[in-house]
Amino acid sequence: IGVNGHLAFNVPPADLAEPDVMRVVQLDPRSRQQQVDDGLFPVVDDVPTRAITATIPTILSAERIFCLVSGDHKAFAVSEAIHGEIGGSRPASALRAHDRVTIYLDEAAAANV
């Protein structure tokens, strides 16, 4: 779950019924900054501008889904995914449409749950 509510780089507004299995996406500035904040890249200029991602239907087709989220910078997005309306403005909320999802949160990410 990303800071903007994205799920696997399916950023808002996301198509929860995307027909493709995978797609290439342009990473928005918040997603790129998150990669730095998560310690995956030293600076934003090192973060790729595009990524390959599984679409929401592809993710939901899994028998089981495990989601790990850490950091206080994701607390609002986690709360919205769990308690907000399910829809493309909160792509991670689509996880609630699956009956075998386990979300692991550290204390910081769980602050608003």
C-alpha atoms as a PDB file:
ATOM      1  CA  ILE A   1       0.000   0.000   0.000  1.00  0.00           C
ATOM      2  CA  GLY A   2       1.522   3.266  -1.093  1.00  0.00           C
ATOM      3  CA  VAL A   3       1.255   6.705   0.447  1.00  0.00           C
ATOM      4  CA  ASN A   4      -1.320   7.693  -2.163  1.00  0.00           C
ATOM      5  CA  GLY A   5      -3.345   4.496  -1.648  1.00  0.00           C
ATOM      6  CA  HIS A   6      -1.782   2.702  -4.591  1.00  0.00           C
ATOM      7  CA  LEU A   7      -1.530  -1.059  -4.711  1.00  0.00           C
ATOM      8  CA  ALA A   8       1.420  -2.440  -6.673  1.00  0.00           C
ATOM      9  CA  PHE A   9       1.737   0.863  -8.573  1.00  0.00           C
ATOM     10  CA  ASN A  10      -1.944   0.913  -9.499  1.00  0.00           C
ATOM     11  CA  VAL A  11      -2.274   4.578  -8.562  1.00  0.00           C
ATOM     12  CA  PRO A  12      -5.463   6.551  -8.111  1.00  0.00           C
ATOM     13  CA  PRO A  13      -7.581   6.806 -10.076  1.00  0.00           C
ATOM     14  CA  ALA A  14      -7.132   3.104 -10.794  1.00  0.00           C
ATOM     15  CA  ASP A  15      -9.286   0.893 -12.951  1.00  0.00           C
ATOM     16  CA  LEU A  16     -10.331  -1.939 -10.631  1.00  0.00           C
ATOM     17  CA  ALA A  17     -11.535  -3.923 -13.667  1.00  0.00           C
ATOM     18  CA  GLU A  18      -8.431  -3.424 -15.854  1.00  0.00           C
ATOM     19  CA  PRO A  19      -8.553  -6.213 -18.481  1.00  0.00           C
ATOM     20  CA  ASP A  20      -4.777  -6.640 -18.804  1.00  0.00           C
ATOM     21  CA  VAL A  21      -2.781  -8.931 -16.520  1.00  0.00           C
ATOM     22  CA  MET A  22       0.203  -6.600 -16.308  1.00  0.00           C
ATOM     23  CA  ARG A  23       0.864  -3.093 -17.531  1.00  0.00           C
ATOM     24  CA  VAL A  24       3.573  -0.468 -17.744  1.00  0.00           C
ATOM     25  CA  VAL A  25       2.830   2.629 -15.672  1.00  0.00           C
ATOM     26  CA  GLN A  26       4.353   6.077 -15.305  1.00  0.00           C
ATOM     27  CA  LEU A  27       5.310   6.596 -11.672  1.00  0.00           C
ATOM     28  CA  ASP A  28       3.874   9.769 -10.208  1.00  0.00           C
ATOM     29  CA  PRO A  29       6.076  12.032  -8.069  1.00  0.00           C
ATOM     30  CA  ARG A  30       4.631  10.705  -4.764  1.00  0.00           C
ATOM     31  CA  SER A  31       5.302   7.086  -5.742  1.00  0.00           C
ATOM     32  CA  ARG A  32       8.847   7.948  -6.752  1.00  0.00           C
ATOM     33  CA  GLN A  33       9.463   9.835  -3.500  1.00  0.00           C
ATOM     34  CA  GLN A  34       8.068   6.899  -1.534  1.00  0.00           C
ATOM     35  CA  GLN A  35      10.776   4.678  -3.017  1.00  0.00           C
ATOM     36  CA  VAL A  36      13.362   7.019  -1.489  1.00  0.00           C
ATOM     37  CA  ASP A  37      11.471   7.277   1.829  1.00  0.00           C
ATOM     38  CA  ASP A  38      11.317   3.475   1.993  1.00  0.00           C
ATOM     39  CA  GLY A  39      15.102   3.324   1.562  1.00  0.00           C
ATOM     40  CA  LEU A  40      15.016   1.621  -1.834  1.00  0.00           C
ATOM     41  CA  PHE A  41      16.860   4.414  -3.652  1.00  0.00           C
ATOM     42  CA  PRO A  42      19.187   7.128  -2.313  1.00  0.00           C
ATOM     43  CA  VAL A  43      17.584  10.039  -4.248  1.00  0.00           C
ATOM     44  CA  VAL A  44      14.511  10.613  -6.429  1.00  0.00           C
ATOM     45  CA  ASP A  45      16.624  11.036  -9.551  1.00  0.00           C
ATOM     46  CA  ASP A  46      17.701   7.386  -9.153  1.00  0.00           C
ATOM     47  CA  VAL A  47      14.092   6.111  -9.112  1.00  0.00           C
ATOM     48  CA  PRO A  48      12.819   4.887 -12.492  1.00  0.00           C
ATOM     49  CA  THR A  49       9.990   6.885 -14.021  1.00  0.00           C
ATOM     50  CA  ARG A  50       8.130   3.769 -15.196  1.00  0.00           C
ATOM     51  CA  ALA A  51       7.333   0.380 -13.684  1.00  0.00           C
ATOM     52  CA  ILE A  52       5.677  -2.893 -14.641  1.00  0.00           C
ATOM     53  CA  THR A  53       2.800  -3.765 -12.348  1.00  0.00           C
ATOM     54  CA  ALA A  54       0.216  -6.476 -11.904  1.00  0.00           C
ATOM     55  CA  THR A  55      -3.283  -5.082 -12.325  1.00  0.00           C
ATOM     56  CA  ILE A  56      -5.859  -5.142  -9.532  1.00  0.00           C
ATOM     57  CA  PRO A  57      -7.818  -8.095 -11.045  1.00  0.00           C
ATOM     58  CA  THR A  58      -4.551 -10.029 -11.375  1.00  0.00           C
ATOM     59  CA  ILE A  59      -3.714  -9.404  -7.729  1.00  0.00           C
ATOM     60  CA  LEU A  60      -7.229 -10.377  -6.633  1.00  0.00           C
ATOM     61  CA  SER A  61      -7.031 -13.605  -8.645  1.00  0.00           C
ATOM     62  CA  ALA A  62      -4.472 -14.988  -6.178  1.00  0.00           C
ATOM     63  CA  GLU A  63      -5.628 -17.715  -3.820  1.00  0.00           C
ATOM     64  CA  ARG A  64      -4.157 -15.782  -0.874  1.00  0.00           C
ATOM     65  CA  ILE A  65      -2.813 -12.260  -0.574  1.00  0.00           C
ATOM     66  CA  PHE A  66      -0.233 -11.070   1.939  1.00  0.00           C
ATOM     67  CA  CYS A  67       0.398  -7.362   2.211  1.00  0.00           C
ATOM     68  CA  LEU A  68       3.176  -5.802   4.302  1.00  0.00           C
ATOM     69  CA  VAL A  69       3.103  -2.100   5.117  1.00  0.00           C
ATOM     70  CA  SER A  70       5.520  -0.094   7.209  1.00  0.00           C
ATOM     71  CA  GLY A  71       5.989   3.523   8.133  1.00  0.00           C
ATOM     72  CA  ASP A  72       3.952   6.372   9.507  1.00  0.00           C
ATOM     73  CA  HIS A  73       3.930   7.992   6.060  1.00  0.00           C
ATOM     74  CA  LYS A  74       1.510   5.227   4.989  1.00  0.00           C
ATOM     75  CA  ALA A  75      -0.837   5.356   8.011  1.00  0.00           C
ATOM     76  CA  PHE A  76      -3.484   7.502   6.323  1.00  0.00           C
ATOM     77  CA  ALA A  77      -3.497   5.366   3.164  1.00  0.00           C
ATOM     78  CA  VAL A  78      -3.811   2.188   5.244  1.00  0.00           C
ATOM     79  CA  SER A  79      -6.750   3.623   7.166  1.00  0.00           C
ATOM     80  CA  GLU A  80      -8.452   4.662   3.919  1.00  0.00           C
ATOM     81  CA  ALA A  81      -7.860   1.215   2.395  1.00  0.00           C
ATOM     82  CA  ILE A  82      -9.403  -0.507   5.401  1.00  0.00           C
ATOM     83  CA  HIS A  83     -12.216   1.908   6.255  1.00  0.00           C
ATOM     84  CA  GLY A  84     -12.827   4.033   3.142  1.00  0.00           C
ATOM     85  CA  GLU A  85     -15.096   3.372   0.216  1.00  0.00           C
ATOM     86  CA  ILE A  86     -13.888   0.644  -2.147  1.00  0.00           C
ATOM     87  CA  GLY A  87     -12.995   2.214  -5.452  1.00  0.00           C
ATOM     88  CA  GLY A  88     -10.385   3.486  -7.851  1.00  0.00           C
ATOM     89  CA  SER A  89      -9.631   6.539  -5.737  1.00  0.00           C
ATOM     90  CA  ARG A  90      -8.289   4.103  -3.105  1.00  0.00           C
ATOM     91  CA  PRO A  91      -6.837   1.203  -5.137  1.00  0.00           C
ATOM     92  CA  ALA A  92      -5.642  -0.656  -2.020  1.00  0.00           C
ATOM     93  CA  SER A  93      -9.269  -0.783  -0.836  1.00  0.00           C
ATOM     94  CA  ALA A  94      -9.801  -3.473  -3.487  1.00  0.00           C
ATOM     95  CA  LEU A  95      -8.083  -5.893  -1.110  1.00  0.00           C
ATOM     96  CA  ARG A  96     -11.347  -5.955   0.852  1.00  0.00           C
ATOM     97  CA  ALA A  97     -12.999  -7.704  -2.113  1.00  0.00           C
ATOM     98  CA  HIS A  98     -10.839 -10.786  -1.465  1.00  0.00           C
ATOM     99  CA  ASP A  99     -11.707 -13.227   1.315  1.00  0.00           C
ATOM    100  CA  ARG A 100      -8.151 -14.435   2.039  1.00  0.00           C
ATOM    101  CA  VAL A 101      -6.092 -11.288   2.609  1.00  0.00           C
ATOM    102  CA  THR A 102      -3.688 -10.796   5.473  1.00  0.00           C
ATOM    103  CA  ILE A 103      -2.275  -7.320   5.997  1.00  0.00           C
ATOM    104  CA  TYR A 104       0.770  -6.984   8.233  1.00  0.00           C
ATOM    105  CA  LEU A 105       1.342  -3.494   9.618  1.00  0.00           C
ATOM    106  CA  ASP A 106       4.039  -2.097  11.828  1.00  0.00           C
ATOM    107  CA  GLU A 107       2.895   0.182  14.652  1.00  0.00           C
ATOM    108  CA  ALA A 108       3.505   3.323  12.625  1.00  0.00           C
ATOM    109  CA  ALA A 109       1.474   2.169   9.608  1.00  0.00           C
ATOM    110  CA  ALA A 110      -1.328   1.007  11.935  1.00  0.00           C
ATOM    111  CA  ALA A 111      -1.565   4.352  13.757  1.00  0.00           C
ATOM    112  CA  ASN A 112      -4.940   5.302  12.235  1.00  0.00           C
ATOM    113  CA  VAL A 113      -6.566   1.864  12.087  1.00  0.00           C
END
